[in-house]
Amino acid sequence: MSELFTLGGKVALVTGSTRGIGLGIAKRMAEHGARVVVSSRKPEACEAARDEIARAGGEAVAFPCNVGRKDELSALVAATLERYGKIDVLVCNAAVNPYFGPISKIPDEAFDKIMGTNVRSTLWLCNMVIPGMAERKDGAVVIVSSIAGLMGTRYLGAYGMSKAADSQLARNLAVEWGAKNVRVNCLAPGIIQTDFAKALYEDPALYRRALEHYPLGRLGVVDDVAGAAVFLAARAGAFVTGQTIVIDGGTTLAGFD
């Protein structure tokens, strides 16, 4: 394996990593040599993801955590440091979207949950992890955003706002910590074929309609995002910071005309 993409000796903490994009990132980082910390709310799901990575020859541990609770995030970081002594790569993937509809009608509770989990919790975790990276003058943070944060939407407005905020958070942190060689970037996927998007690609009519807006003629798969995450975490991405890399098959370029 080219040293540009190796993660040998690195410790990668990935939130929301028991399914979908998060699990794909965790698996590929382990495949490239990282020791991976798998985390999500349910212990049994964490253990299953850990075991899947181990069966493939990778090294992983499982530490359950609800990212919406600051004390649990602190415990997650402490457990990782106790096990491995450092965190080289942080992937903030855990996110929620409890509301689908116009933002003119969103309940306060749903708005607070979206912004709290998708933005505030990411800031909490970054503030817990980045100082240790800065001490070693080496670290990479990858925040999983969305193309919903780059365009207007009728039904995902609050979610889109949170993802736009994630991109701005990455830019701010990149500026604050760049002198310590800590890189912070976002990934903004389009429709990726995971459980989260099943309603779109399992309905033939919706699937055909979605494909009309994707110049590459297909929807994304998990590895499309995982590969970009490995790039940003590895030596290959060492001069990239503060960016939002769009992984959408060209749909934001083509528009919806």
Protein backbone atom coordinates (compact mmCIF):
# COMPACT_ATOMS: atom_id res chain seq x y z
CA MET A 1 0.00 0.00 0.00
CA SER A 2 1.28 3.46 -0.88
CA GLU A 3 2.40 5.39 2.17
CA LEU A 4 0.26 8.26 0.91
CA PHE A 5 -2.82 6.35 2.02
CA THR A 6 -1.59 4.24 4.90
CA LEU A 7 -2.99 4.84 8.37
CA GLY A 8 -0.61 2.45 10.12
CA GLY A 9 -0.02 3.45 13.73
CA LYS A 10 -2.97 5.85 13.74
CA VAL A 11 -5.90 5.74 16.14
CA ALA A 12 -9.23 6.72 14.58
CA LEU A 13 -12.34 7.53 16.61
CA VAL A 14 -15.50 7.35 14.47
CA THR A 15 -18.90 8.30 15.87
CA GLY A 16 -22.09 6.86 14.46
CA SER A 17 -20.01 3.99 13.13
CA THR A 18 -22.23 0.93 13.48
CA ARG A 19 -23.99 1.22 10.12
CA GLY A 20 -24.07 3.11 6.85
CA ILE A 21 -21.44 5.72 6.10
CA GLY A 22 -19.92 5.61 9.58
CA LEU A 23 -19.40 1.86 9.51
CA GLY A 24 -17.97 2.08 6.00
CA ILE A 25 -15.45 4.70 7.11
CA ALA A 26 -14.48 2.66 10.17
CA LYS A 27 -13.98 -0.49 8.09
CA ARG A 28 -11.86 1.21 5.45
CA MET A 29 -9.72 3.04 7.99
CA ALA A 30 -9.06 -0.25 9.75
CA GLU A 31 -8.23 -1.84 6.39
CA HIS A 32 -5.66 0.91 5.85
CA GLY A 33 -4.01 0.17 9.18
CA ALA A 34 -5.77 2.36 11.75
CA ARG A 35 -6.81 1.13 15.15
CA VAL A 36 -10.48 2.09 15.15
CA VAL A 37 -12.80 3.07 17.98
CA VAL A 38 -16.38 2.22 17.02
CA SER A 39 -19.11 4.20 18.76
CA SER A 40 -22.88 4.65 18.66
CA ARG A 41 -25.70 4.62 21.19
CA LYS A 42 -26.38 0.87 21.35
CA PRO A 43 -23.71 -1.40 22.90
CA GLU A 44 -24.77 -4.46 20.92
CA ALA A 45 -24.47 -2.56 17.63
CA CYS A 46 -21.00 -1.34 18.61
CA GLU A 47 -19.91 -4.85 19.43
CA ALA A 48 -21.25 -6.21 16.14
CA ALA A 49 -19.37 -3.54 14.16
CA ARG A 50 -16.20 -4.20 16.14
CA ASP A 51 -16.48 -7.92 15.44
CA GLU A 52 -17.07 -7.31 11.73
CA ILE A 53 -13.89 -5.25 11.51
CA ALA A 54 -11.94 -7.88 13.45
CA ARG A 55 -13.15 -10.68 11.15
CA ALA A 56 -11.76 -8.70 8.22
CA GLY A 57 -8.35 -8.52 9.90
CA GLY A 58 -8.59 -5.04 11.39
CA GLU A 59 -8.25 -3.82 14.97
CA ALA A 60 -11.21 -2.18 16.65
CA VAL A 61 -12.72 -1.55 20.06
CA ALA A 62 -16.29 -0.62 20.91
CA PHE A 63 -17.26 2.22 23.25
CA PRO A 64 -20.99 3.11 23.25
CA CYS A 65 -21.90 6.79 23.46
CA ASN A 66 -24.86 9.11 22.93
CA VAL A 67 -23.19 12.13 21.34
CA GLY A 68 -25.99 14.37 22.55
CA ARG A 69 -24.76 13.95 26.13
CA LYS A 70 -21.60 15.81 26.99
CA ASP A 71 -20.66 13.51 29.85
CA GLU A 72 -20.85 10.47 27.57
CA LEU A 73 -18.67 12.20 24.97
CA SER A 74 -16.12 12.96 27.66
CA ALA A 75 -16.21 9.33 28.78
CA LEU A 76 -15.75 8.18 25.16
CA VAL A 77 -12.65 10.31 24.74
CA ALA A 78 -11.28 9.22 28.12
CA ALA A 79 -11.84 5.52 27.32
CA THR A 80 -10.09 5.92 23.96
CA LEU A 81 -7.11 7.67 25.53
CA GLU A 82 -6.89 5.06 28.27
CA ARG A 83 -6.85 2.28 25.65
CA TYR A 84 -4.58 3.83 23.03
CA GLY A 85 -3.02 6.95 24.55
CA LYS A 86 -3.93 9.23 21.66
CA ILE A 87 -6.46 10.08 18.95
CA ASP A 88 -4.95 10.83 15.54
CA VAL A 89 -8.12 10.88 13.47
CA LEU A 90 -11.57 12.03 14.57
CA VAL A 91 -14.57 11.35 12.34
CA CYS A 92 -17.74 13.12 13.46
CA ASN A 93 -20.45 11.19 11.66
CA ALA A 94 -23.26 10.80 14.20
CA ALA A 95 -26.26 12.98 13.33
CA VAL A 96 -30.04 13.04 13.62
CA ASN A 97 -33.01 14.31 11.65
CA PRO A 98 -36.24 13.81 13.60
CA TYR A 99 -38.28 16.16 11.38
CA PHE A 100 -39.22 16.06 7.69
CA GLY A 101 -41.16 19.09 6.54
CA PRO A 102 -41.05 22.87 6.08
CA ILE A 103 -39.03 24.81 8.64
CA SER A 104 -42.00 27.15 9.06
CA LYS A 105 -43.70 24.37 11.00
CA ILE A 106 -40.82 22.68 12.81
CA PRO A 107 -41.40 22.13 16.55
CA ASP A 108 -38.88 23.80 18.83
CA GLU A 109 -37.94 20.44 20.32
CA ALA A 110 -37.05 18.99 16.91
CA PHE A 111 -35.03 22.06 15.94
CA ASP A 112 -33.12 22.00 19.21
CA LYS A 113 -32.37 18.29 18.82
CA ILE A 114 -31.09 18.70 15.26
CA MET A 115 -28.85 21.64 16.05
CA GLY A 116 -27.74 20.23 19.39
CA THR A 117 -26.75 16.82 18.07
CA ASN A 118 -25.45 17.79 14.65
CA VAL A 119 -23.58 20.97 15.56
CA ARG A 120 -23.10 21.51 19.29
CA SER A 121 -22.10 17.92 20.00
CA THR A 122 -19.61 18.01 17.14
CA LEU A 123 -18.08 21.17 18.61
CA TRP A 124 -17.96 19.54 22.04
CA LEU A 125 -16.14 16.50 20.69
CA CYS A 126 -13.70 18.54 18.62
CA ASN A 127 -12.88 20.68 21.64
CA MET A 128 -12.18 17.54 23.65
CA VAL A 129 -9.98 15.87 21.04
CA ILE A 130 -8.15 18.58 19.07
CA PRO A 131 -5.96 19.90 21.92
CA GLY A 132 -4.28 16.48 22.17
CA MET A 133 -3.66 16.52 18.42
CA ALA A 134 -2.21 20.01 18.72
CA GLU A 135 0.24 18.88 21.40
CA ARG A 136 1.62 16.27 18.98
CA LYS A 137 1.34 18.72 16.07
CA ASP A 138 -0.52 16.20 13.98
CA GLY A 139 -4.19 15.36 13.59
CA ALA A 140 -7.09 15.11 11.17
CA VAL A 141 -10.76 15.79 11.83
CA VAL A 142 -13.41 14.76 9.31
CA ILE A 143 -16.97 16.01 9.81
CA VAL A 144 -19.65 14.31 7.74
CA SER A 145 -21.90 17.05 6.41
CA SER A 146 -24.36 16.81 3.49
CA ILE A 147 -25.25 18.50 0.22
CA ALA A 148 -28.39 19.57 2.12
CA GLY A 149 -26.11 22.18 3.67
CA LEU A 150 -25.24 23.61 0.25
CA MET A 151 -28.68 24.11 -1.26
CA GLY A 152 -32.23 25.03 -0.37
CA THR A 153 -34.71 22.27 0.39
CA ARG A 154 -38.42 22.14 1.07
CA TYR A 155 -38.41 19.35 3.62
CA LEU A 156 -34.91 19.15 5.15
CA GLY A 157 -34.39 22.80 6.01
CA ALA A 158 -33.33 22.44 9.64
CA TYR A 159 -31.12 19.46 8.85
CA GLY A 160 -29.57 21.48 6.00
CA MET A 161 -28.96 24.39 8.36
CA SER A 162 -27.12 22.09 10.74
CA LYS A 163 -24.98 20.69 7.95
CA ALA A 164 -24.14 24.17 6.65
CA ALA A 165 -23.08 25.01 10.20
CA ASP A 166 -20.84 21.94 10.23
CA SER A 167 -19.00 23.23 7.16
CA GLN A 168 -18.50 26.61 8.83
CA LEU A 169 -17.36 24.87 12.00
CA ALA A 170 -14.72 23.03 9.97
CA ARG A 171 -13.50 26.30 8.44
CA ASN A 172 -13.26 28.00 11.83
CA LEU A 173 -11.45 25.11 13.48
CA ALA A 174 -9.09 24.80 10.52
CA VAL A 175 -8.05 28.42 11.00
CA GLU A 176 -7.78 28.15 14.79
CA TRP A 177 -5.68 24.99 14.82
CA GLY A 178 -3.82 25.03 11.52
CA ALA A 179 -0.61 26.33 13.05
CA LYS A 180 -0.50 23.14 15.14
CA ASN A 181 -0.83 20.96 12.01
CA VAL A 182 -4.40 19.93 12.80
CA ARG A 183 -6.52 19.66 9.66
CA VAL A 184 -10.31 19.90 9.79
CA ASN A 185 -12.50 19.15 6.79
CA CYS A 186 -16.05 18.20 5.87
CA LEU A 187 -17.51 15.63 3.51
CA ALA A 188 -20.83 16.50 1.87
CA PRO A 189 -22.43 13.38 0.37
CA GLY A 190 -25.40 13.33 -1.95
CA ILE A 191 -27.76 10.37 -1.85
CA ILE A 192 -25.83 7.36 -0.63
CA GLN A 193 -27.40 3.91 -0.71
CA THR A 194 -27.75 3.27 3.01
CA ASP A 195 -30.71 2.50 5.26
CA PHE A 196 -31.15 6.25 5.75
CA ALA A 197 -32.06 6.68 2.06
CA LYS A 198 -33.89 3.41 1.43
CA ALA A 199 -37.18 5.16 0.71
CA LEU A 200 -35.55 6.86 -2.27
CA TYR A 201 -33.78 3.99 -3.96
CA GLU A 202 -36.16 1.13 -3.19
CA ASP A 203 -39.12 2.87 -4.83
CA PRO A 204 -38.59 2.48 -8.62
CA ALA A 205 -40.29 5.76 -9.51
CA LEU A 206 -38.37 7.79 -6.91
CA TYR A 207 -35.15 6.04 -7.89
CA ARG A 208 -35.57 6.94 -11.58
CA ARG A 209 -36.43 10.52 -10.69
CA ALA A 210 -33.35 10.81 -8.47
CA LEU A 211 -31.06 9.42 -11.17
CA GLU A 212 -32.20 12.14 -13.59
CA HIS A 213 -30.30 14.65 -11.46
CA TYR A 214 -27.05 12.67 -11.12
CA PRO A 215 -24.71 13.20 -14.11
CA LEU A 216 -22.79 10.03 -13.27
CA GLY A 217 -26.01 8.09 -13.72
CA ARG A 218 -25.98 6.39 -10.33
CA LEU A 219 -26.46 7.07 -6.66
CA GLY A 220 -23.54 6.92 -4.27
CA VAL A 221 -22.33 3.92 -2.31
CA VAL A 222 -20.68 3.95 1.09
CA ASP A 223 -17.17 3.45 -0.28
CA ASP A 224 -17.49 6.68 -2.26
CA VAL A 225 -17.53 8.52 1.06
CA ALA A 226 -15.20 6.18 2.95
CA GLY A 227 -12.47 6.59 0.34
CA ALA A 228 -12.58 10.37 0.72
CA ALA A 229 -12.38 10.03 4.50
CA VAL A 230 -9.26 7.85 4.21
CA PHE A 231 -7.71 10.44 1.86
CA LEU A 232 -8.32 13.25 4.35
CA ALA A 233 -6.96 11.22 7.27
CA ALA A 234 -3.83 10.03 5.48
CA ARG A 235 -0.65 11.69 4.22
CA ALA A 236 -2.36 12.18 0.86
CA GLY A 237 -4.59 14.86 2.40
CA ALA A 238 -1.89 16.59 4.43
CA PHE A 239 -2.28 19.95 2.66
CA VAL A 240 -6.09 20.04 2.69
CA THR A 241 -7.90 21.86 5.47
CA GLY A 242 -11.06 23.90 5.98
CA GLN A 243 -12.69 22.36 2.92
CA THR A 244 -16.05 20.77 2.23
CA ILE A 245 -15.55 18.00 -0.31
CA VAL A 246 -18.76 17.32 -2.20
CA ILE A 247 -19.37 13.65 -3.02
CA ASP A 248 -22.59 13.74 -5.01
CA GLY A 249 -22.09 12.36 -8.52
CA GLY A 250 -22.43 15.91 -9.84
CA THR A 251 -26.01 16.55 -8.74
CA THR A 252 -25.32 19.95 -7.16
CA LEU A 253 -23.73 21.01 -10.47
CA ALA A 254 -26.58 19.75 -12.60
CA GLY A 255 -29.32 21.31 -10.49
CA PHE A 256 -32.94 20.28 -10.65
CA ASP A 257 -34.16 21.92 -13.85
